[in-house]
Amino acid sequence: MADVTLIDHPLVQHKLTLMRRKDTPTAVFRQLLREISTLMCYEITRDLNMTLEAIETPLTAMQAPVIAGKKLVFASILRAGNGLLEGMLDLVPSARVAHIGVYRDHDTLEAVEYYFKAPEDISERLVIVVDPMLATGNSSIAAIDQLKARGAKHIRFLCLLAAPEGIRHFTTAHPDVPVFTAAIDSHLNVNGYIVPGLGDAGDRMYGTK
């Protein structure tokens, strides 16, 4: 699909299979989510702009590559996005963090917004939005609507699983935002859950089901 990158690294796929198992304990699920998000972070940041900086090694002076521009922003769609956020911050601890409170109404499947907090200069930074699931797409679309309304111009979206229906809805609403995912599953069921999926990521991460 256009604007969708499938992250099919063997370690990512192996850890995702472990997470899909219904008998995976909460603590193990949470640890796997942290590990897989670190691996996926490598892929979504693969093409960051670089520049050269003069440094001294123990042997000599040299021009060495460093990431150019302002620090990244990781924007977590609460609450399940925080599971991906932690692993990404392990890899990029200097990143700024935004939190976007959006939940899905279980009757209408529409997104309901309740919280937003982000760096003031978000328009000058690359923003990576994280949420484990791209199901109907309503929550992620609403979150990115809020980011764009506050000036964000350079946005990418990272998820563990995506449904074809969600991808179509998302890319129609935000064709300028590339999607990175570890799997594109079969379909959504009548309740708006991804099939085969892995259940509700937030409930499995926090043991609240």
N, C-alpha and C. Protein backbone atom coordinates (compact mmCIF):
# COMPACT_ATOMS: atom_id res chain seq x y z
N MET A 1 0.84 -1.20 0.00
CA MET A 1 0.00 0.00 0.00
C MET A 1 0.88 1.25 0.00
N ALA A 2 0.41 2.30 -0.68
CA ALA A 2 1.16 3.54 -0.74
C ALA A 2 1.30 4.15 0.65
N ASP A 3 2.49 4.72 0.94
CA ASP A 3 2.77 5.42 2.20
C ASP A 3 2.72 4.51 3.41
N VAL A 4 2.82 3.21 3.21
CA VAL A 4 2.85 2.26 4.32
C VAL A 4 4.12 1.42 4.22
N THR A 5 4.91 1.42 5.29
CA THR A 5 6.12 0.61 5.35
C THR A 5 5.91 -0.54 6.32
N LEU A 6 6.08 -1.77 5.83
CA LEU A 6 5.96 -2.96 6.66
C LEU A 6 7.33 -3.30 7.21
N ILE A 7 7.47 -3.28 8.52
CA ILE A 7 8.74 -3.59 9.18
C ILE A 7 8.77 -5.09 9.43
N ASP A 8 9.45 -5.80 8.54
CA ASP A 8 9.39 -7.27 8.58
C ASP A 8 10.68 -7.91 9.09
N HIS A 9 11.45 -7.17 9.87
CA HIS A 9 12.67 -7.73 10.45
C HIS A 9 12.32 -8.98 11.25
N PRO A 10 13.11 -10.06 11.17
CA PRO A 10 12.79 -11.30 11.88
C PRO A 10 12.57 -11.12 13.38
N LEU A 11 13.37 -10.28 14.03
CA LEU A 11 13.20 -10.09 15.47
C LEU A 11 11.88 -9.41 15.79
N VAL A 12 11.49 -8.46 14.95
CA VAL A 12 10.20 -7.79 15.14
C VAL A 12 9.06 -8.79 14.97
N GLN A 13 9.12 -9.61 13.93
CA GLN A 13 8.05 -10.57 13.67
C GLN A 13 7.98 -11.64 14.76
N HIS A 14 9.13 -12.09 15.25
CA HIS A 14 9.16 -13.10 16.32
C HIS A 14 8.53 -12.55 17.60
N LYS A 15 8.92 -11.35 17.99
CA LYS A 15 8.37 -10.77 19.22
C LYS A 15 6.88 -10.48 19.08
N LEU A 16 6.46 -10.09 17.88
CA LEU A 16 5.04 -9.84 17.66
C LEU A 16 4.23 -11.13 17.83
N THR A 17 4.76 -12.25 17.35
CA THR A 17 4.07 -13.54 17.53
C THR A 17 3.92 -13.87 19.00
N LEU A 18 4.97 -13.64 19.79
CA LEU A 18 4.88 -13.89 21.23
C LEU A 18 3.81 -13.01 21.86
N MET A 19 3.68 -11.78 21.40
CA MET A 19 2.68 -10.88 21.95
C MET A 19 1.26 -11.28 21.55
N ARG A 20 1.11 -11.88 20.39
CA ARG A 20 -0.23 -12.28 19.93
C ARG A 20 -0.80 -13.42 20.78
N ARG A 21 0.04 -14.28 21.34
CA ARG A 21 -0.43 -15.45 22.09
C ARG A 21 -1.29 -15.00 23.26
N LYS A 22 -2.48 -15.58 23.37
CA LYS A 22 -3.43 -15.13 24.39
C LYS A 22 -2.96 -15.45 25.80
N ASP A 23 -2.04 -16.42 25.95
CA ASP A 23 -1.58 -16.79 27.29
C ASP A 23 -0.29 -16.08 27.69
N THR A 24 0.16 -15.10 26.91
CA THR A 24 1.35 -14.34 27.30
C THR A 24 1.00 -13.46 28.50
N PRO A 25 1.74 -13.59 29.62
CA PRO A 25 1.42 -12.82 30.83
C PRO A 25 1.60 -11.32 30.62
N THR A 26 0.95 -10.54 31.47
CA THR A 26 1.00 -9.09 31.37
C THR A 26 2.42 -8.56 31.41
N ALA A 27 3.22 -9.03 32.35
CA ALA A 27 4.59 -8.52 32.48
C ALA A 27 5.42 -8.83 31.25
N VAL A 28 5.24 -10.02 30.69
CA VAL A 28 5.98 -10.41 29.49
C VAL A 28 5.50 -9.59 28.29
N PHE A 29 4.19 -9.40 28.18
CA PHE A 29 3.63 -8.59 27.10
C PHE A 29 4.21 -7.18 27.13
N ARG A 30 4.27 -6.61 28.33
CA ARG A 30 4.77 -5.25 28.47
C ARG A 30 6.25 -5.16 28.08
N GLN A 31 7.04 -6.16 28.49
CA GLN A 31 8.46 -6.16 28.15
C GLN A 31 8.66 -6.34 26.64
N LEU A 32 7.87 -7.23 26.04
CA LEU A 32 7.98 -7.44 24.59
C LEU A 32 7.61 -6.16 23.82
N LEU A 33 6.60 -5.46 24.30
CA LEU A 33 6.19 -4.22 23.64
C LEU A 33 7.32 -3.20 23.69
N ARG A 34 7.98 -3.14 24.83
CA ARG A 34 9.11 -2.21 24.96
C ARG A 34 10.25 -2.59 24.01
N GLU A 35 10.53 -3.89 23.92
CA GLU A 35 11.62 -4.36 23.05
C GLU A 35 11.29 -4.13 21.57
N ILE A 36 10.08 -4.46 21.17
CA ILE A 36 9.72 -4.35 19.76
C ILE A 36 9.66 -2.89 19.33
N SER A 37 9.27 -2.00 20.23
CA SER A 37 9.23 -0.59 19.87
C SER A 37 10.62 -0.02 19.64
N THR A 38 11.61 -0.52 20.38
CA THR A 38 12.99 -0.09 20.16
C THR A 38 13.46 -0.52 18.77
N LEU A 39 13.15 -1.76 18.40
CA LEU A 39 13.53 -2.25 17.08
C LEU A 39 12.84 -1.46 15.97
N MET A 40 11.56 -1.17 16.15
CA MET A 40 10.81 -0.42 15.13
C MET A 40 11.30 1.01 15.03
N CYS A 41 11.78 1.55 16.15
CA CYS A 41 12.30 2.92 16.15
C CYS A 41 13.51 3.04 15.23
N TYR A 42 14.33 1.99 15.16
CA TYR A 42 15.45 2.00 14.22
C TYR A 42 14.97 2.25 12.80
N GLU A 43 13.86 1.59 12.43
CA GLU A 43 13.38 1.68 11.05
C GLU A 43 12.75 3.03 10.73
N ILE A 44 11.98 3.56 11.65
CA ILE A 44 11.27 4.80 11.34
C ILE A 44 12.21 6.00 11.36
N THR A 45 13.39 5.84 11.98
CA THR A 45 14.37 6.93 12.01
C THR A 45 15.54 6.68 11.05
N ARG A 46 15.40 5.71 10.17
CA ARG A 46 16.50 5.31 9.30
C ARG A 46 17.01 6.45 8.41
N ASP A 47 16.13 7.34 7.98
CA ASP A 47 16.52 8.37 7.01
C ASP A 47 16.64 9.77 7.62
N LEU A 48 16.90 9.86 8.92
CA LEU A 48 17.08 11.17 9.53
C LEU A 48 18.27 11.89 8.89
N ASN A 49 18.15 13.19 8.77
CA ASN A 49 19.23 13.99 8.19
C ASN A 49 20.45 13.99 9.10
N MET A 50 21.62 13.92 8.48
CA MET A 50 22.88 13.91 9.21
C MET A 50 23.74 15.11 8.83
N THR A 51 24.63 15.49 9.73
CA THR A 51 25.63 16.50 9.44
C THR A 51 26.94 16.05 10.06
N LEU A 52 28.01 16.79 9.79
CA LEU A 52 29.33 16.43 10.34
C LEU A 52 29.72 17.40 11.45
N GLU A 53 30.38 16.85 12.44
CA GLU A 53 30.82 17.63 13.59
C GLU A 53 32.29 17.33 13.87
N ALA A 54 33.05 18.38 14.17
CA ALA A 54 34.47 18.18 14.49
C ALA A 54 34.61 17.64 15.91
N ILE A 55 35.26 16.48 16.05
CA ILE A 55 35.49 15.89 17.36
C ILE A 55 36.95 15.45 17.46
N GLU A 56 37.36 15.10 18.69
CA GLU A 56 38.68 14.52 18.94
C GLU A 56 38.49 13.10 19.46
N THR A 57 39.04 12.13 18.75
CA THR A 57 39.10 10.77 19.29
C THR A 57 40.37 10.67 20.13
N PRO A 58 40.60 9.55 20.84
CA PRO A 58 41.87 9.42 21.57
C PRO A 58 43.11 9.48 20.68
N LEU A 59 42.91 9.35 19.35
CA LEU A 59 44.05 9.30 18.44
C LEU A 59 44.21 10.53 17.55
N THR A 60 43.07 11.15 17.17
CA THR A 60 43.18 12.24 16.20
C THR A 60 41.89 13.04 16.13
N ALA A 61 41.94 14.14 15.40
CA ALA A 61 40.73 14.92 15.10
C ALA A 61 40.06 14.33 13.88
N MET A 62 38.72 14.49 13.82
CA MET A 62 38.00 13.98 12.65
C MET A 62 36.66 14.69 12.53
N GLN A 63 36.06 14.58 11.35
CA GLN A 63 34.69 15.02 11.12
C GLN A 63 33.79 13.80 11.27
N ALA A 64 32.89 13.81 12.25
CA ALA A 64 32.07 12.64 12.56
C ALA A 64 30.59 12.95 12.37
N PRO A 65 29.80 11.96 11.93
CA PRO A 65 28.38 12.20 11.66
C PRO A 65 27.54 12.28 12.93
N VAL A 66 26.63 13.25 12.95
CA VAL A 66 25.64 13.39 14.02
C VAL A 66 24.31 13.74 13.38
N ILE A 67 23.23 13.51 14.10
CA ILE A 67 21.90 13.85 13.59
C ILE A 67 21.74 15.35 13.54
N ALA A 68 21.23 15.84 12.40
CA ALA A 68 21.07 17.27 12.19
C ALA A 68 19.69 17.74 12.66
N GLY A 69 19.60 19.01 13.01
CA GLY A 69 18.32 19.61 13.32
C GLY A 69 17.89 19.42 14.77
N LYS A 70 16.66 19.84 15.04
CA LYS A 70 16.14 19.77 16.41
C LYS A 70 15.79 18.34 16.78
N LYS A 71 15.71 18.10 18.08
CA LYS A 71 15.40 16.77 18.58
C LYS A 71 13.99 16.34 18.16
N LEU A 72 13.81 15.01 18.08
CA LEU A 72 12.53 14.44 17.70
C LEU A 72 11.47 14.68 18.77
N VAL A 73 10.21 14.56 18.36
CA VAL A 73 9.09 14.49 19.30
C VAL A 73 8.42 13.13 19.12
N PHE A 74 8.28 12.39 20.21
CA PHE A 74 7.47 11.17 20.21
C PHE A 74 6.12 11.53 20.82
N ALA A 75 5.06 11.34 20.05
CA ALA A 75 3.72 11.70 20.51
C ALA A 75 2.93 10.42 20.79
N SER A 76 2.62 10.19 22.05
CA SER A 76 1.92 8.98 22.47
C SER A 76 0.42 9.21 22.54
N ILE A 77 -0.33 8.35 21.85
CA ILE A 77 -1.79 8.37 21.98
C ILE A 77 -2.13 7.53 23.21
N LEU A 78 -2.62 8.20 24.24
CA LEU A 78 -2.89 7.54 25.52
C LEU A 78 -4.05 6.55 25.39
N ARG A 79 -3.99 5.43 26.15
CA ARG A 79 -2.92 5.12 27.08
C ARG A 79 -1.93 4.11 26.52
N ALA A 80 -2.39 3.32 25.54
CA ALA A 80 -1.58 2.21 25.04
C ALA A 80 -0.31 2.69 24.33
N GLY A 81 -0.33 3.91 23.79
CA GLY A 81 0.85 4.42 23.12
C GLY A 81 2.06 4.50 24.03
N ASN A 82 1.83 4.60 25.34
CA ASN A 82 2.96 4.71 26.27
C ASN A 82 3.82 3.45 26.27
N GLY A 83 3.24 2.32 25.91
CA GLY A 83 4.04 1.09 25.84
C GLY A 83 5.10 1.17 24.75
N LEU A 84 4.75 1.76 23.61
CA LEU A 84 5.71 1.99 22.53
C LEU A 84 6.66 3.12 22.89
N LEU A 85 6.15 4.13 23.55
CA LEU A 85 6.95 5.31 23.90
C LEU A 85 8.16 4.94 24.74
N GLU A 86 7.99 4.06 25.72
CA GLU A 86 9.08 3.74 26.63
C GLU A 86 10.27 3.12 25.90
N GLY A 87 10.00 2.18 25.00
CA GLY A 87 11.08 1.55 24.26
C GLY A 87 11.78 2.52 23.32
N MET A 88 11.04 3.45 22.75
CA MET A 88 11.64 4.42 21.85
C MET A 88 12.50 5.41 22.61
N LEU A 89 12.09 5.77 23.83
CA LEU A 89 12.91 6.66 24.65
C LEU A 89 14.18 5.97 25.13
N ASP A 90 14.15 4.63 25.25
CA ASP A 90 15.38 3.92 25.57
C ASP A 90 16.43 4.17 24.48
N LEU A 91 15.97 4.25 23.23
CA LEU A 91 16.87 4.43 22.10
C LEU A 91 17.22 5.90 21.87
N VAL A 92 16.23 6.78 22.07
CA VAL A 92 16.44 8.22 21.83
C VAL A 92 16.01 8.99 23.10
N PRO A 93 16.82 8.91 24.16
CA PRO A 93 16.40 9.50 25.44
C PRO A 93 16.26 11.01 25.42
N SER A 94 16.86 11.68 24.44
CA SER A 94 16.79 13.14 24.37
C SER A 94 15.54 13.64 23.64
N ALA A 95 14.73 12.74 23.12
CA ALA A 95 13.53 13.15 22.38
C ALA A 95 12.55 13.89 23.30
N ARG A 96 11.85 14.84 22.73
CA ARG A 96 10.74 15.49 23.44
C ARG A 96 9.53 14.55 23.38
N VAL A 97 8.58 14.76 24.29
CA VAL A 97 7.41 13.87 24.35
C VAL A 97 6.12 14.69 24.36
N ALA A 98 5.18 14.25 23.54
CA ALA A 98 3.82 14.80 23.55
C ALA A 98 2.86 13.70 23.99
N HIS A 99 1.79 14.07 24.66
CA HIS A 99 0.75 13.13 25.06
C HIS A 99 -0.59 13.61 24.51
N ILE A 100 -1.29 12.68 23.88
CA ILE A 100 -2.59 13.00 23.29
C ILE A 100 -3.62 12.03 23.86
N GLY A 101 -4.59 12.56 24.57
CA GLY A 101 -5.62 11.73 25.18
C GLY A 101 -6.80 11.55 24.24
N VAL A 102 -6.93 10.35 23.69
CA VAL A 102 -8.04 10.01 22.80
C VAL A 102 -8.52 8.62 23.15
N TYR A 103 -9.82 8.42 23.33
CA TYR A 103 -10.32 7.06 23.53
C TYR A 103 -11.46 6.80 22.55
N ARG A 104 -11.69 5.52 22.30
CA ARG A 104 -12.71 5.12 21.33
C ARG A 104 -14.02 4.82 22.04
N ASP A 105 -15.07 5.51 21.67
CA ASP A 105 -16.40 5.21 22.19
C ASP A 105 -16.81 3.82 21.70
N HIS A 106 -17.10 2.91 22.62
CA HIS A 106 -17.36 1.52 22.24
C HIS A 106 -18.68 1.34 21.50
N ASP A 107 -19.57 2.34 21.59
CA ASP A 107 -20.84 2.24 20.88
C ASP A 107 -20.73 2.78 19.46
N THR A 108 -20.10 3.94 19.31
CA THR A 108 -20.02 4.58 17.99
C THR A 108 -18.71 4.30 17.26
N LEU A 109 -17.69 3.83 18.02
CA LEU A 109 -16.32 3.62 17.51
C LEU A 109 -15.64 4.93 17.11
N GLU A 110 -16.25 6.06 17.47
CA GLU A 110 -15.66 7.36 17.17
C GLU A 110 -14.66 7.76 18.25
N ALA A 111 -13.70 8.61 17.89
CA ALA A 111 -12.68 9.05 18.83
C ALA A 111 -13.19 10.20 19.69
N VAL A 112 -12.91 10.14 20.99
CA VAL A 112 -13.26 11.19 21.93
C VAL A 112 -11.96 11.75 22.51
N GLU A 113 -11.73 13.04 22.35
CA GLU A 113 -10.48 13.66 22.81
C GLU A 113 -10.68 14.24 24.21
N TYR A 114 -9.64 14.10 25.07
CA TYR A 114 -9.75 14.64 26.43
C TYR A 114 -8.47 15.27 26.95
N TYR A 115 -7.33 15.17 26.21
CA TYR A 115 -6.08 15.73 26.73
C TYR A 115 -5.11 15.96 25.57
N PHE A 116 -4.33 17.06 25.68
CA PHE A 116 -3.27 17.32 24.70
C PHE A 116 -2.17 18.14 25.36
N LYS A 117 -0.92 17.66 25.26
CA LYS A 117 0.22 18.40 25.78
C LYS A 117 1.42 18.10 24.89
N ALA A 118 2.03 19.15 24.32
CA ALA A 118 3.14 18.95 23.39
C ALA A 118 4.11 20.12 23.49
N PRO A 119 5.36 19.94 23.01
CA PRO A 119 6.31 21.06 22.98
C PRO A 119 5.77 22.22 22.16
N GLU A 120 6.12 23.45 22.57
CA GLU A 120 5.60 24.63 21.89
C GLU A 120 6.12 24.75 20.46
N ASP A 121 7.36 24.32 20.22
CA ASP A 121 7.95 24.48 18.89
C ASP A 121 7.78 23.23 18.03
N ILE A 122 6.63 22.58 18.17
CA ILE A 122 6.40 21.32 17.48
C ILE A 122 6.44 21.48 15.96
N SER A 123 6.21 22.67 15.46
CA SER A 123 6.23 22.90 14.02
C SER A 123 7.63 22.76 13.44
N GLU A 124 8.65 22.83 14.27
CA GLU A 124 10.03 22.78 13.82
C GLU A 124 10.66 21.39 13.99
N ARG A 125 9.89 20.43 14.43
CA ARG A 125 10.44 19.11 14.76
C ARG A 125 9.72 18.00 13.98
N LEU A 126 10.43 16.89 13.78
CA LEU A 126 9.80 15.68 13.26
C LEU A 126 9.03 15.02 14.40
N VAL A 127 7.75 14.77 14.18
CA VAL A 127 6.88 14.17 15.19
C VAL A 127 6.56 12.74 14.79
N ILE A 128 6.86 11.79 15.67
CA ILE A 128 6.52 10.39 15.44
C ILE A 128 5.40 10.02 16.40
N VAL A 129 4.23 9.79 15.85
CA VAL A 129 3.04 9.45 16.64
C VAL A 129 3.00 7.94 16.84
N VAL A 130 2.75 7.50 18.08
CA VAL A 130 2.79 6.06 18.36
C VAL A 130 1.49 5.60 19.01
N ASP A 131 1.00 4.47 18.52
CA ASP A 131 -0.18 3.79 19.06
C ASP A 131 -0.09 2.34 18.59
N PRO A 132 -0.28 1.35 19.47
CA PRO A 132 -0.12 -0.04 19.03
C PRO A 132 -1.02 -0.45 17.88
N MET A 133 -2.22 0.11 17.79
CA MET A 133 -3.19 -0.36 16.80
C MET A 133 -3.64 0.75 15.85
N LEU A 134 -3.73 0.41 14.57
CA LEU A 134 -4.44 1.24 13.60
C LEU A 134 -5.63 0.40 13.15
N ALA A 135 -6.72 0.54 13.88
CA ALA A 135 -7.90 -0.30 13.65
C ALA A 135 -8.89 0.45 12.76
N THR A 136 -9.84 1.18 13.34
CA THR A 136 -10.73 2.00 12.51
C THR A 136 -9.99 3.21 11.96
N GLY A 137 -8.96 3.65 12.67
CA GLY A 137 -8.22 4.85 12.29
C GLY A 137 -8.74 6.12 12.93
N ASN A 138 -9.89 6.05 13.62
CA ASN A 138 -10.50 7.26 14.15
C ASN A 138 -9.61 7.95 15.19
N SER A 139 -9.03 7.19 16.12
CA SER A 139 -8.21 7.79 17.17
C SER A 139 -6.95 8.42 16.61
N SER A 140 -6.27 7.71 15.72
CA SER A 140 -5.03 8.23 15.16
C SER A 140 -5.29 9.46 14.29
N ILE A 141 -6.36 9.44 13.54
CA ILE A 141 -6.72 10.61 12.72
C ILE A 141 -7.00 11.82 13.61
N ALA A 142 -7.75 11.61 14.69
CA ALA A 142 -8.07 12.70 15.61
C ALA A 142 -6.81 13.25 16.26
N ALA A 143 -5.89 12.36 16.63
CA ALA A 143 -4.64 12.80 17.26
C ALA A 143 -3.82 13.65 16.30
N ILE A 144 -3.73 13.23 15.05
CA ILE A 144 -2.93 13.98 14.08
C ILE A 144 -3.64 15.26 13.68
N ASP A 145 -4.97 15.28 13.68
CA ASP A 145 -5.70 16.53 13.48
C ASP A 145 -5.26 17.56 14.52
N GLN A 146 -5.15 17.12 15.78
CA GLN A 146 -4.76 18.02 16.86
C GLN A 146 -3.33 18.51 16.69
N LEU A 147 -2.44 17.61 16.29
CA LEU A 147 -1.04 18.00 16.08
C LEU A 147 -0.92 19.02 14.96
N LYS A 148 -1.60 18.78 13.86
CA LYS A 148 -1.55 19.72 12.74
C LYS A 148 -2.17 21.06 13.11
N ALA A 149 -3.23 21.04 13.90
CA ALA A 149 -3.87 22.29 14.32
C ALA A 149 -2.93 23.14 15.16
N ARG A 150 -1.97 22.51 15.80
CA ARG A 150 -1.00 23.23 16.62
C ARG A 150 0.33 23.46 15.88
N GLY A 151 0.33 23.19 14.57
CA GLY A 151 1.46 23.58 13.76
C GLY A 151 2.39 22.49 13.28
N ALA A 152 2.17 21.24 13.70
CA ALA A 152 3.07 20.16 13.28
C ALA A 152 3.00 19.99 11.77
N LYS A 153 4.19 19.89 11.14
CA LYS A 153 4.24 19.77 9.68
C LYS A 153 4.88 18.47 9.22
N HIS A 154 5.76 17.92 10.03
CA HIS A 154 6.50 16.72 9.65
C HIS A 154 6.12 15.60 10.62
N ILE A 155 5.25 14.70 10.17
CA ILE A 155 4.66 13.69 11.06
C ILE A 155 4.81 12.32 10.43
N ARG A 156 5.10 11.32 11.28
CA ARG A 156 5.07 9.91 10.89
C ARG A 156 4.25 9.16 11.94
N PHE A 157 3.66 8.04 11.52
CA PHE A 157 2.82 7.25 12.43
C PHE A 157 3.37 5.84 12.54
N LEU A 158 3.53 5.37 13.78
CA LEU A 158 4.09 4.04 14.05
C LEU A 158 3.09 3.21 14.84
N CYS A 159 2.81 1.98 14.36
CA CYS A 159 1.92 1.08 15.08
C CYS A 159 2.41 -0.35 14.95
N LEU A 160 1.96 -1.21 15.85
CA LEU A 160 2.28 -2.63 15.78
C LEU A 160 1.48 -3.33 14.70
N LEU A 161 0.17 -3.12 14.74
CA LEU A 161 -0.75 -3.80 13.85
C LEU A 161 -1.63 -2.78 13.14
N ALA A 162 -1.98 -3.09 11.91
CA ALA A 162 -2.91 -2.24 11.16
C ALA A 162 -3.92 -3.12 10.44
N ALA A 163 -5.14 -2.62 10.33
CA ALA A 163 -6.17 -3.27 9.53
C ALA A 163 -6.28 -2.54 8.20
N PRO A 164 -6.58 -3.25 7.11
CA PRO A 164 -6.72 -2.57 5.82
C PRO A 164 -7.72 -1.42 5.85
N GLU A 165 -8.83 -1.62 6.59
CA GLU A 165 -9.83 -0.56 6.69
C GLU A 165 -9.25 0.69 7.35
N GLY A 166 -8.47 0.48 8.40
CA GLY A 166 -7.86 1.60 9.10
C GLY A 166 -6.84 2.33 8.24
N ILE A 167 -6.06 1.56 7.50
CA ILE A 167 -5.06 2.18 6.61
C ILE A 167 -5.74 3.05 5.56
N ARG A 168 -6.81 2.52 4.97
CA ARG A 168 -7.52 3.30 3.94
C ARG A 168 -8.09 4.60 4.53
N HIS A 169 -8.70 4.49 5.70
CA HIS A 169 -9.29 5.66 6.35
C HIS A 169 -8.21 6.67 6.71
N PHE A 170 -7.12 6.18 7.27
CA PHE A 170 -6.04 7.05 7.74
C PHE A 170 -5.37 7.76 6.57
N THR A 171 -5.00 7.02 5.55
CA THR A 171 -4.26 7.62 4.43
C THR A 171 -5.15 8.56 3.60
N THR A 172 -6.46 8.35 3.65
CA THR A 172 -7.37 9.30 3.00
C THR A 172 -7.41 10.61 3.77
N ALA A 173 -7.44 10.51 5.10
CA ALA A 173 -7.51 11.71 5.94
C ALA A 173 -6.18 12.45 5.99
N HIS A 174 -5.08 11.69 6.01
CA HIS A 174 -3.75 12.30 6.14
C HIS A 174 -2.78 11.66 5.15
N PRO A 175 -2.94 11.95 3.87
CA PRO A 175 -2.09 11.32 2.85
C PRO A 175 -0.62 11.71 2.96
N ASP A 176 -0.32 12.79 3.71
CA ASP A 176 1.05 13.26 3.87
C ASP A 176 1.77 12.62 5.05
N VAL A 177 1.10 11.72 5.77
CA VAL A 177 1.70 11.10 6.96
C VAL A 177 1.98 9.63 6.66
N PRO A 178 3.26 9.25 6.52
CA PRO A 178 3.58 7.84 6.26
C PRO A 178 3.31 6.97 7.48
N VAL A 179 2.93 5.72 7.22
CA VAL A 179 2.60 4.75 8.26
C VAL A 179 3.69 3.67 8.29
N PHE A 180 4.14 3.33 9.48
CA PHE A 180 5.09 2.24 9.69
C PHE A 180 4.42 1.23 10.62
N THR A 181 4.38 -0.04 10.21
CA THR A 181 3.72 -1.06 11.00
C THR A 181 4.46 -2.38 10.90
N ALA A 182 4.27 -3.24 11.92
CA ALA A 182 4.90 -4.56 11.90
C ALA A 182 4.03 -5.60 11.22
N ALA A 183 2.74 -5.31 11.03
CA ALA A 183 1.84 -6.28 10.38
C ALA A 183 0.58 -5.60 9.87
N ILE A 184 0.11 -6.07 8.73
CA ILE A 184 -1.20 -5.67 8.22
C ILE A 184 -2.08 -6.92 8.29
N ASP A 185 -3.01 -6.91 9.23
CA ASP A 185 -3.83 -8.08 9.48
C ASP A 185 -5.02 -8.16 8.52
N SER A 186 -5.89 -9.15 8.74
CA SER A 186 -6.93 -9.47 7.77
C SER A 186 -8.03 -8.42 7.68
N HIS A 187 -8.68 -8.10 8.83
CA HIS A 187 -9.84 -7.23 8.78
C HIS A 187 -10.23 -6.80 10.19
N LEU A 188 -11.25 -5.96 10.26
CA LEU A 188 -11.87 -5.59 11.54
C LEU A 188 -13.12 -6.42 11.76
N ASN A 189 -13.36 -6.80 13.02
CA ASN A 189 -14.62 -7.48 13.32
C ASN A 189 -15.71 -6.44 13.58
N VAL A 190 -16.91 -6.91 13.93
CA VAL A 190 -18.04 -6.00 14.10
C VAL A 190 -17.84 -5.04 15.26
N ASN A 191 -16.95 -5.37 16.19
CA ASN A 191 -16.67 -4.51 17.34
C ASN A 191 -15.49 -3.57 17.08
N GLY A 192 -14.94 -3.61 15.86
CA GLY A 192 -13.85 -2.71 15.53
C GLY A 192 -12.49 -3.18 16.00
N TYR A 193 -12.36 -4.48 16.31
CA TYR A 193 -11.07 -5.04 16.71
C TYR A 193 -10.37 -5.68 15.51
N ILE A 194 -9.04 -5.58 15.50
CA ILE A 194 -8.26 -6.16 14.41
C ILE A 194 -8.22 -7.68 14.55
N VAL A 195 -8.45 -8.39 13.44
CA VAL A 195 -8.42 -9.85 13.39
C VAL A 195 -7.31 -10.29 12.43
N PRO A 196 -6.42 -11.23 12.84
CA PRO A 196 -6.40 -11.96 14.10
C PRO A 196 -5.94 -11.13 15.29
N GLY A 197 -5.15 -10.09 15.08
CA GLY A 197 -4.83 -9.14 16.13
C GLY A 197 -4.12 -9.72 17.33
N LEU A 198 -4.24 -9.00 18.45
CA LEU A 198 -3.70 -9.48 19.73
C LEU A 198 -4.56 -9.04 20.90
N GLY A 199 -5.81 -8.66 20.60
CA GLY A 199 -6.69 -8.18 21.66
C GLY A 199 -6.51 -6.69 21.89
N ASP A 200 -6.94 -6.22 23.04
CA ASP A 200 -6.81 -4.81 23.40
C ASP A 200 -5.42 -4.59 24.01
N ALA A 201 -4.57 -3.85 23.31
CA ALA A 201 -3.18 -3.69 23.75
C ALA A 201 -3.09 -3.01 25.11
N GLY A 202 -3.93 -2.01 25.36
CA GLY A 202 -3.89 -1.33 26.65
C GLY A 202 -4.25 -2.26 27.80
N ASP A 203 -5.31 -3.04 27.62
CA ASP A 203 -5.71 -3.98 28.67
C ASP A 203 -4.64 -5.03 28.90
N ARG A 204 -4.05 -5.53 27.85
CA ARG A 204 -3.02 -6.56 27.99
C ARG A 204 -1.74 -6.00 28.60
N MET A 205 -1.47 -4.75 28.33
CA MET A 205 -0.26 -4.12 28.85
C MET A 205 -0.38 -3.80 30.33
N TYR A 206 -1.58 -3.41 30.76
CA TYR A 206 -1.79 -2.97 32.13
C TYR A 206 -2.58 -3.96 32.98
N GLY A 207 -3.03 -5.08 32.39
CA GLY A 207 -3.76 -6.08 33.15
C GLY A 207 -5.10 -5.59 33.62
N THR A 208 -5.81 -4.84 32.78
CA THR A 208 -7.07 -4.21 33.22
C THR A 208 -8.30 -4.84 32.59
N LYS A 209 -8.15 -5.90 31.83
CA LYS A 209 -9.31 -6.51 31.17
C LYS A 209 -10.24 -7.15 32.19
